[in-house]
PDB file of all heavy atoms in Angstrom:
ATOM      1  N   ALA A   1     -55.536   0.338 -92.107  1.00  0.00           N
ATOM      2  CA  ALA A   1     -55.892  -0.569 -91.020  1.00  0.00           C
ATOM      3  C   ALA A   1     -54.778  -0.609 -89.979  1.00  0.00           C
ATOM      4  O   ALA A   1     -53.712  -0.103 -90.202  1.00  0.00           O
ATOM      5  CB  ALA A   1     -56.214  -1.943 -91.506  1.00  0.00           C
ATOM      6  N   GLY A   2     -55.087  -1.253 -88.835  1.00  0.00           N
ATOM      7  CA  GLY A   2     -54.098  -1.324 -87.781  1.00  0.00           C
ATOM      8  C   GLY A   2     -54.033  -0.164 -86.800  1.00  0.00           C
ATOM      9  O   GLY A   2     -53.098   0.053 -86.127  1.00  0.00           O
ATOM     10  N   GLY A   3     -55.104   0.649 -86.846  1.00  0.00           N
ATOM     11  CA  GLY A   3     -55.176   1.727 -85.957  1.00  0.00           C
ATOM     12  C   GLY A   3     -54.662   3.098 -86.448  1.00  0.00           C
ATOM     13  O   GLY A   3     -54.699   4.082 -85.662  1.00  0.00           O
ATOM     14  N   ILE A   4     -54.228   3.165 -87.641  1.00  0.00           N
ATOM     15  CA  ILE A   4     -53.624   4.427 -88.084  1.00  0.00           C
ATOM     16  C   ILE A   4     -54.705   5.411 -88.510  1.00  0.00           C
ATOM     17  O   ILE A   4     -54.618   6.626 -88.184  1.00  0.00           O
ATOM     18  CB  ILE A   4     -52.694   4.110 -89.328  1.00  0.00           C
ATOM     19  CG1 ILE A   4     -51.507   3.301 -88.858  1.00  0.00           C
ATOM     20  CG2 ILE A   4     -52.254   5.411 -89.983  1.00  0.00           C
ATOM     21  CD1 ILE A   4     -50.557   2.874 -89.961  1.00  0.00           C
ATOM     22  N   SER A   5     -55.772   4.959 -89.193  1.00  0.00           N
ATOM     23  CA  SER A   5     -56.845   5.892 -89.584  1.00  0.00           C
ATOM     24  C   SER A   5     -57.795   6.112 -88.414  1.00  0.00           C
ATOM     25  O   SER A   5     -58.831   5.475 -88.325  1.00  0.00           O
ATOM     26  CB  SER A   5     -57.604   5.308 -90.850  1.00  0.00           C
ATOM     27  OG  SER A   5     -56.733   5.243 -91.931  1.00  0.00           O
ATOM     28  N   THR A   6     -57.492   7.043 -87.637  1.00  0.00           N
ATOM     29  CA  THR A   6     -58.247   7.326 -86.399  1.00  0.00           C
ATOM     30  C   THR A   6     -59.451   8.257 -86.703  1.00  0.00           C
ATOM     31  O   THR A   6     -59.460   8.930 -87.786  1.00  0.00           O
ATOM     32  CB  THR A   6     -57.378   8.033 -85.350  1.00  0.00           C
ATOM     33  OG1 THR A   6     -57.027   9.303 -85.901  1.00  0.00           O
ATOM     34  CG2 THR A   6     -56.151   7.182 -84.989  1.00  0.00           C
ATOM     35  N   PRO A   7     -60.416   8.303 -85.833  1.00  0.00           N
ATOM     36  CA  PRO A   7     -61.532   9.286 -86.029  1.00  0.00           C
ATOM     37  C   PRO A   7     -61.028  10.702 -86.129  1.00  0.00           C
ATOM     38  O   PRO A   7     -61.563  11.526 -86.870  1.00  0.00           O
ATOM     39  CB  PRO A   7     -62.435   9.060 -84.814  1.00  0.00           C
ATOM     40  CG  PRO A   7     -62.172   7.638 -84.476  1.00  0.00           C
ATOM     41  CD  PRO A   7     -60.742   7.368 -84.727  1.00  0.00           C
ATOM     42  N   ALA A   8     -60.008  11.013 -85.334  1.00  0.00           N
ATOM     43  CA  ALA A   8     -59.490  12.419 -85.336  1.00  0.00           C
ATOM     44  C   ALA A   8     -58.871  12.747 -86.666  1.00  0.00           C
ATOM     45  O   ALA A   8     -59.019  13.822 -87.197  1.00  0.00           O
ATOM     46  CB  ALA A   8     -58.394  12.523 -84.247  1.00  0.00           C
ATOM     47  N   LEU A   9     -58.144  11.781 -87.300  1.00  0.00           N
ATOM     48  CA  LEU A   9     -57.542  12.026 -88.594  1.00  0.00           C
ATOM     49  C   LEU A   9     -58.621  12.231 -89.645  1.00  0.00           C
ATOM     50  O   LEU A   9     -58.616  13.107 -90.489  1.00  0.00           O
ATOM     51  CB  LEU A   9     -56.609  10.850 -89.010  1.00  0.00           C
ATOM     52  CG  LEU A   9     -55.918  10.963 -90.382  1.00  0.00           C
ATOM     53  CD1 LEU A   9     -55.062  12.131 -90.474  1.00  0.00           C
ATOM     54  CD2 LEU A   9     -55.146   9.705 -90.676  1.00  0.00           C
ATOM     55  N   ALA A  10     -59.581  11.279 -89.658  1.00  0.00           N
ATOM     56  CA  ALA A  10     -60.689  11.329 -90.648  1.00  0.00           C
ATOM     57  C   ALA A  10     -61.460  12.607 -90.527  1.00  0.00           C
ATOM     58  O   ALA A  10     -61.776  13.243 -91.546  1.00  0.00           O
ATOM     59  CB  ALA A  10     -61.581  10.146 -90.569  1.00  0.00           C
ATOM     60  N   ALA A  11     -61.734  13.025 -89.313  1.00  0.00           N
ATOM     61  CA  ALA A  11     -62.478  14.261 -89.057  1.00  0.00           C
ATOM     62  C   ALA A  11     -61.746  15.473 -89.570  1.00  0.00           C
ATOM     63  O   ALA A  11     -62.309  16.413 -90.227  1.00  0.00           O
ATOM     64  CB  ALA A  11     -62.806  14.423 -87.621  1.00  0.00           C
ATOM     65  N   ALA A  12     -60.465  15.536 -89.304  1.00  0.00           N
ATOM     66  CA  ALA A  12     -59.628  16.700 -89.721  1.00  0.00           C
ATOM     67  C   ALA A  12     -59.577  16.802 -91.250  1.00  0.00           C
ATOM     68  O   ALA A  12     -59.711  17.887 -91.806  1.00  0.00           O
ATOM     69  CB  ALA A  12     -58.198  16.548 -89.162  1.00  0.00           C
ATOM     70  N   VAL A  13     -59.475  15.671 -91.933  1.00  0.00           N
ATOM     71  CA  VAL A  13     -59.408  15.697 -93.433  1.00  0.00           C
ATOM     72  C   VAL A  13     -60.794  16.119 -93.976  1.00  0.00           C
ATOM     73  O   VAL A  13     -60.855  16.944 -94.890  1.00  0.00           O
ATOM     74  CB  VAL A  13     -58.987  14.344 -93.952  1.00  0.00           C
ATOM     75  CG1 VAL A  13     -59.118  14.237 -95.489  1.00  0.00           C
ATOM     76  CG2 VAL A  13     -57.528  14.032 -93.550  1.00  0.00           C
ATOM     77  N   SER A  14     -61.871  15.515 -93.461  1.00  0.00           N
ATOM     78  CA  SER A  14     -63.195  15.902 -93.934  1.00  0.00           C
ATOM     79  C   SER A  14     -63.492  17.335 -93.706  1.00  0.00           C
ATOM     80  O   SER A  14     -64.068  18.065 -94.562  1.00  0.00           O
ATOM     81  CB  SER A  14     -64.227  14.994 -93.311  1.00  0.00           C
ATOM     82  OG  SER A  14     -64.170  13.676 -93.763  1.00  0.00           O
ATOM     83  N   ASP A  15     -63.127  17.853 -92.532  1.00  0.00           N
ATOM     84  CA  ASP A  15     -63.399  19.258 -92.187  1.00  0.00           C
ATOM     85  C   ASP A  15     -62.611  20.201 -93.035  1.00  0.00           C
ATOM     86  O   ASP A  15     -62.985  21.342 -93.255  1.00  0.00           O
ATOM     87  CB  ASP A  15     -63.107  19.504 -90.751  1.00  0.00           C
ATOM     88  CG  ASP A  15     -64.238  19.034 -89.794  1.00  0.00           C
ATOM     89  OD1 ASP A  15     -65.373  18.800 -90.322  1.00  0.00           O
ATOM     90  OD2 ASP A  15     -64.045  18.964 -88.568  1.00  0.00           O
ATOM     91  N   ALA A  16     -61.474  19.738 -93.600  1.00  0.00           N
ATOM     92  CA  ALA A  16     -60.607  20.583 -94.386  1.00  0.00           C
ATOM     93  C   ALA A  16     -61.054  20.518 -95.852  1.00  0.00           C
ATOM     94  O   ALA A  16     -60.388  21.108 -96.727  1.00  0.00           O
ATOM     95  CB  ALA A  16     -59.148  20.178 -94.251  1.00  0.00           C
ATOM     96  N   GLY A  17     -62.134  19.834 -96.134  1.00  0.00           N
ATOM     97  CA  GLY A  17     -62.663  19.855 -97.538  1.00  0.00           C
ATOM     98  C   GLY A  17     -62.392  18.585 -98.267  1.00  0.00           C
ATOM     99  O   GLY A  17     -62.847  18.443 -99.464  1.00  0.00           O
ATOM    100  N   GLY A  18     -61.704  17.585 -97.658  1.00  0.00           N
ATOM    101  CA  GLY A  18     -61.446  16.304 -98.327  1.00  0.00           C
ATOM    102  C   GLY A  18     -62.433  15.313 -97.867  1.00  0.00           C
ATOM    103  O   GLY A  18     -63.552  15.590 -97.364  1.00  0.00           O
ATOM    104  N   LEU A  19     -62.057  14.006 -97.888  1.00  0.00           N
ATOM    105  CA  LEU A  19     -62.850  12.927 -97.434  1.00  0.00           C
ATOM    106  C   LEU A  19     -62.069  12.004 -96.589  1.00  0.00           C
ATOM    107  O   LEU A  19     -61.092  11.305 -97.048  1.00  0.00           O
ATOM    108  CB  LEU A  19     -63.434  12.154 -98.643  1.00  0.00           C
ATOM    109  CG  LEU A  19     -64.306  10.956 -98.254  1.00  0.00           C
ATOM    110  CD1 LEU A  19     -65.540  11.412 -97.505  1.00  0.00           C
ATOM    111  CD2 LEU A  19     -64.704  10.157 -99.559  1.00  0.00           C
ATOM    112  N   GLY A  20     -62.400  11.979 -95.225  1.00  0.00           N
ATOM    113  CA  GLY A  20     -61.698  11.100 -94.346  1.00  0.00           C
ATOM    114  C   GLY A  20     -62.315   9.742 -94.275  1.00  0.00           C
ATOM    115  O   GLY A  20     -63.498   9.628 -94.436  1.00  0.00           O
ATOM    116  N   PHE A  21     -61.471   8.779 -94.050  1.00  0.00           N
ATOM    117  CA  PHE A  21     -61.927   7.339 -93.993  1.00  0.00           C
ATOM    118  C   PHE A  21     -61.528   6.629 -92.730  1.00  0.00           C
ATOM    119  O   PHE A  21     -60.389   6.870 -92.193  1.00  0.00           O
ATOM    120  CB  PHE A  21     -61.365   6.581 -95.153  1.00  0.00           C
ATOM    121  CG  PHE A  21     -62.351   6.261 -96.254  1.00  0.00           C
ATOM    122  CD1 PHE A  21     -62.514   7.226 -97.320  1.00  0.00           C
ATOM    123  CD2 PHE A  21     -63.103   5.122 -96.280  1.00  0.00           C
ATOM    124  CE1 PHE A  21     -63.397   6.913 -98.342  1.00  0.00           C
ATOM    125  CE2 PHE A  21     -64.009   4.896 -97.313  1.00  0.00           C
ATOM    126  CZ  PHE A  21     -64.154   5.768 -98.333  1.00  0.00           C
ATOM    127  N   LEU A  22     -62.376   5.772 -92.195  1.00  0.00           N
ATOM    128  CA  LEU A  22     -62.078   4.864 -91.138  1.00  0.00           C
ATOM    129  C   LEU A  22     -61.773   3.537 -91.805  1.00  0.00           C
ATOM    130  O   LEU A  22     -62.397   3.175 -92.849  1.00  0.00           O
ATOM    131  CB  LEU A  22     -63.192   4.692 -90.168  1.00  0.00           C
ATOM    132  CG  LEU A  22     -63.614   5.922 -89.327  1.00  0.00           C
ATOM    133  CD1 LEU A  22     -64.801   5.606 -88.525  1.00  0.00           C
ATOM    134  CD2 LEU A  22     -62.395   6.364 -88.461  1.00  0.00           C
ATOM    135  N   ALA A  23     -60.890   2.741 -91.183  1.00  0.00           N
ATOM    136  CA  ALA A  23     -60.574   1.431 -91.704  1.00  0.00           C
ATOM    137  C   ALA A  23     -61.256   0.348 -90.794  1.00  0.00           C
ATOM    138  O   ALA A  23     -60.931   0.242 -89.654  1.00  0.00           O
ATOM    139  CB  ALA A  23     -59.011   1.202 -91.700  1.00  0.00           C
ATOM    140  N   GLY A  24     -62.156  -0.392 -91.439  1.00  0.00           N
ATOM    141  CA  GLY A  24     -62.872  -1.384 -90.673  1.00  0.00           C
ATOM    142  C   GLY A  24     -62.091  -2.696 -90.511  1.00  0.00           C
ATOM    143  O   GLY A  24     -62.431  -3.504 -89.671  1.00  0.00           O
ATOM    144  N   GLY A  25     -61.067  -2.917 -91.321  1.00  0.00           N
ATOM    145  CA  GLY A  25     -60.296  -4.134 -91.341  1.00  0.00           C
ATOM    146  C   GLY A  25     -59.652  -4.411 -89.958  1.00  0.00           C
ATOM    147  O   GLY A  25     -59.076  -3.496 -89.359  1.00  0.00           O
ATOM    148  N   TYR A  26     -59.713  -5.651 -89.520  1.00  0.00           N
ATOM    149  CA  TYR A  26     -59.099  -6.090 -88.229  1.00  0.00           C
ATOM    150  C   TYR A  26     -59.875  -5.683 -86.975  1.00  0.00           C
ATOM    151  O   TYR A  26     -59.682  -6.185 -85.933  1.00  0.00           O
ATOM    152  CB  TYR A  26     -57.643  -5.704 -88.081  1.00  0.00           C
ATOM    153  CG  TYR A  26     -56.733  -6.012 -89.204  1.00  0.00           C
ATOM    154  CD1 TYR A  26     -55.777  -5.134 -89.666  1.00  0.00           C
ATOM    155  CD2 TYR A  26     -56.834  -7.260 -89.870  1.00  0.00           C
ATOM    156  CE1 TYR A  26     -54.933  -5.498 -90.708  1.00  0.00           C
ATOM    157  CE2 TYR A  26     -56.065  -7.596 -90.937  1.00  0.00           C
ATOM    158  CZ  TYR A  26     -55.077  -6.723 -91.348  1.00  0.00           C
ATOM    159  OH  TYR A  26     -54.265  -6.990 -92.393  1.00  0.00           O
ATOM    160  N   LYS A  27     -60.751  -4.739 -87.124  1.00  0.00           N
ATOM    161  CA  LYS A  27     -61.483  -4.238 -85.953  1.00  0.00           C
ATOM    162  C   LYS A  27     -62.695  -5.122 -85.672  1.00  0.00           C
ATOM    163  O   LYS A  27     -63.292  -5.736 -86.525  1.00  0.00           O
ATOM    164  CB  LYS A  27     -61.959  -2.788 -86.140  1.00  0.00           C
ATOM    165  CG  LYS A  27     -60.863  -1.747 -86.159  1.00  0.00           C
ATOM    166  CD  LYS A  27     -61.490  -0.358 -86.131  1.00  0.00           C
ATOM    167  CE  LYS A  27     -60.380   0.680 -86.051  1.00  0.00           C
ATOM    168  NZ  LYS A  27     -59.717   0.795 -87.307  1.00  0.00           N
ATOM    169  N   THR A  28     -63.090  -5.153 -84.372  1.00  0.00           N
ATOM    170  CA  THR A  28     -64.348  -5.754 -83.986  1.00  0.00           C
ATOM    171  C   THR A  28     -65.476  -4.888 -84.483  1.00  0.00           C
ATOM    172  O   THR A  28     -65.242  -3.637 -84.725  1.00  0.00           O
ATOM    173  CB  THR A  28     -64.478  -6.001 -82.472  1.00  0.00           C
ATOM    174  OG1 THR A  28     -64.457  -4.692 -81.875  1.00  0.00           O
ATOM    175  CG2 THR A  28     -63.334  -6.833 -81.971  1.00  0.00           C
ATOM    176  N   VAL A  29     -66.633  -5.432 -84.626  1.00  0.00           N
ATOM    177  CA  VAL A  29     -67.829  -4.613 -85.038  1.00  0.00           C
ATOM    178  C   VAL A  29     -68.104  -3.538 -83.983  1.00  0.00           C
ATOM    179  O   VAL A  29     -68.369  -2.389 -84.335  1.00  0.00           O
ATOM    180  CB  VAL A  29     -69.014  -5.522 -85.222  1.00  0.00           C
ATOM    181  CG1 VAL A  29     -70.251  -4.643 -85.490  1.00  0.00           C
ATOM    182  CG2 VAL A  29     -68.781  -6.459 -86.404  1.00  0.00           C
ATOM    183  N   GLU A  30     -67.951  -3.937 -82.699  1.00  0.00           N
ATOM    184  CA  GLU A  30     -68.142  -2.992 -81.600  1.00  0.00           C
ATOM    185  C   GLU A  30     -67.158  -1.912 -81.663  1.00  0.00           C
ATOM    186  O   GLU A  30     -67.462  -0.688 -81.398  1.00  0.00           O
ATOM    187  CB  GLU A  30     -68.122  -3.745 -80.281  1.00  0.00           C
ATOM    188  CG  GLU A  30     -69.228  -4.756 -80.056  1.00  0.00           C
ATOM    189  CD  GLU A  30     -69.085  -6.063 -80.870  1.00  0.00           C
ATOM    190  OE1 GLU A  30     -67.923  -6.325 -81.324  1.00  0.00           O
ATOM    191  OE2 GLU A  30     -70.049  -6.763 -81.022  1.00  0.00           O
ATOM    192  N   GLY A  31     -65.924  -2.215 -81.907  1.00  0.00           N
ATOM    193  CA  GLY A  31     -64.844  -1.216 -81.976  1.00  0.00           C
ATOM    194  C   GLY A  31     -65.081  -0.274 -83.157  1.00  0.00           C
ATOM    195  O   GLY A  31     -64.855   0.985 -83.037  1.00  0.00           O
ATOM    196  N   LEU A  32     -65.489  -0.768 -84.283  1.00  0.00           N
ATOM    197  CA  LEU A  32     -65.763   0.068 -85.427  1.00  0.00           C
ATOM    198  C   LEU A  32     -67.002   0.970 -85.204  1.00  0.00           C
ATOM    199  O   LEU A  32     -66.918   2.111 -85.526  1.00  0.00           O
ATOM    200  CB  LEU A  32     -65.979  -0.804 -86.667  1.00  0.00           C
ATOM    201  CG  LEU A  32     -66.314  -0.072 -88.044  1.00  0.00           C
ATOM    202  CD1 LEU A  32     -65.186   0.949 -88.344  1.00  0.00           C
ATOM    203  CD2 LEU A  32     -66.523  -1.048 -89.108  1.00  0.00           C
ATOM    204  N   ALA A  33     -67.991   0.447 -84.504  1.00  0.00           N
ATOM    205  CA  ALA A  33     -69.170   1.277 -84.175  1.00  0.00           C
ATOM    206  C   ALA A  33     -68.761   2.469 -83.262  1.00  0.00           C
ATOM    207  O   ALA A  33     -69.248   3.539 -83.434  1.00  0.00           O
ATOM    208  CB  ALA A  33     -70.148   0.372 -83.497  1.00  0.00           C
ATOM    209  N   GLU A  34     -67.893   2.147 -82.290  1.00  0.00           N
ATOM    210  CA  GLU A  34     -67.408   3.208 -81.423  1.00  0.00           C
ATOM    211  C   GLU A  34     -66.638   4.316 -82.233  1.00  0.00           C
ATOM    212  O   GLU A  34     -66.807   5.493 -81.966  1.00  0.00           O
ATOM    213  CB  GLU A  34     -66.541   2.663 -80.348  1.00  0.00           C
ATOM    214  CG  GLU A  34     -67.232   1.819 -79.283  1.00  0.00           C
ATOM    215  CD  GLU A  34     -66.277   1.231 -78.308  1.00  0.00           C
ATOM    216  OE1 GLU A  34     -65.062   1.607 -78.286  1.00  0.00           O
ATOM    217  OE2 GLU A  34     -66.741   0.389 -77.495  1.00  0.00           O
ATOM    218  N   GLU A  35     -65.846   3.876 -83.151  1.00  0.00           N
ATOM    219  CA  GLU A  35     -65.111   4.832 -83.946  1.00  0.00           C
ATOM    220  C   GLU A  35     -66.042   5.699 -84.788  1.00  0.00           C
ATOM    221  O   GLU A  35     -65.820   6.900 -84.993  1.00  0.00           O
ATOM    222  CB  GLU A  35     -64.102   4.132 -84.843  1.00  0.00           C
ATOM    223  CG  GLU A  35     -62.925   3.590 -84.075  1.00  0.00           C
ATOM    224  CD  GLU A  35     -61.669   3.370 -84.957  1.00  0.00           C
ATOM    225  OE1 GLU A  35     -61.767   3.437 -86.148  1.00  0.00           O
ATOM    226  OE2 GLU A  35     -60.567   3.177 -84.352  1.00  0.00           O
ATOM    227  N   ILE A  36     -67.120   5.111 -85.361  1.00  0.00           N
ATOM    228  CA  ILE A  36     -68.042   5.874 -86.188  1.00  0.00           C
ATOM    229  C   ILE A  36     -68.747   6.894 -85.279  1.00  0.00           C
ATOM    230  O   ILE A  36     -68.916   8.073 -85.700  1.00  0.00           O
ATOM    231  CB  ILE A  36     -69.067   4.916 -86.800  1.00  0.00           C
ATOM    232  CG1 ILE A  36     -68.394   4.092 -87.941  1.00  0.00           C
ATOM    233  CG2 ILE A  36     -70.209   5.748 -87.417  1.00  0.00           C
ATOM    234  CD1 ILE A  36     -69.255   2.967 -88.504  1.00  0.00           C
TER     235      ILE A  36
END
């Protein structure tokens, strides 16, 4: 949380065969929806 787990980071990890995660903590619902 706190902005570290970005969509770009999660996408890169998932595309490389792992599983990328977004952090919903502290974000607004609207902000999390935009990241998804």
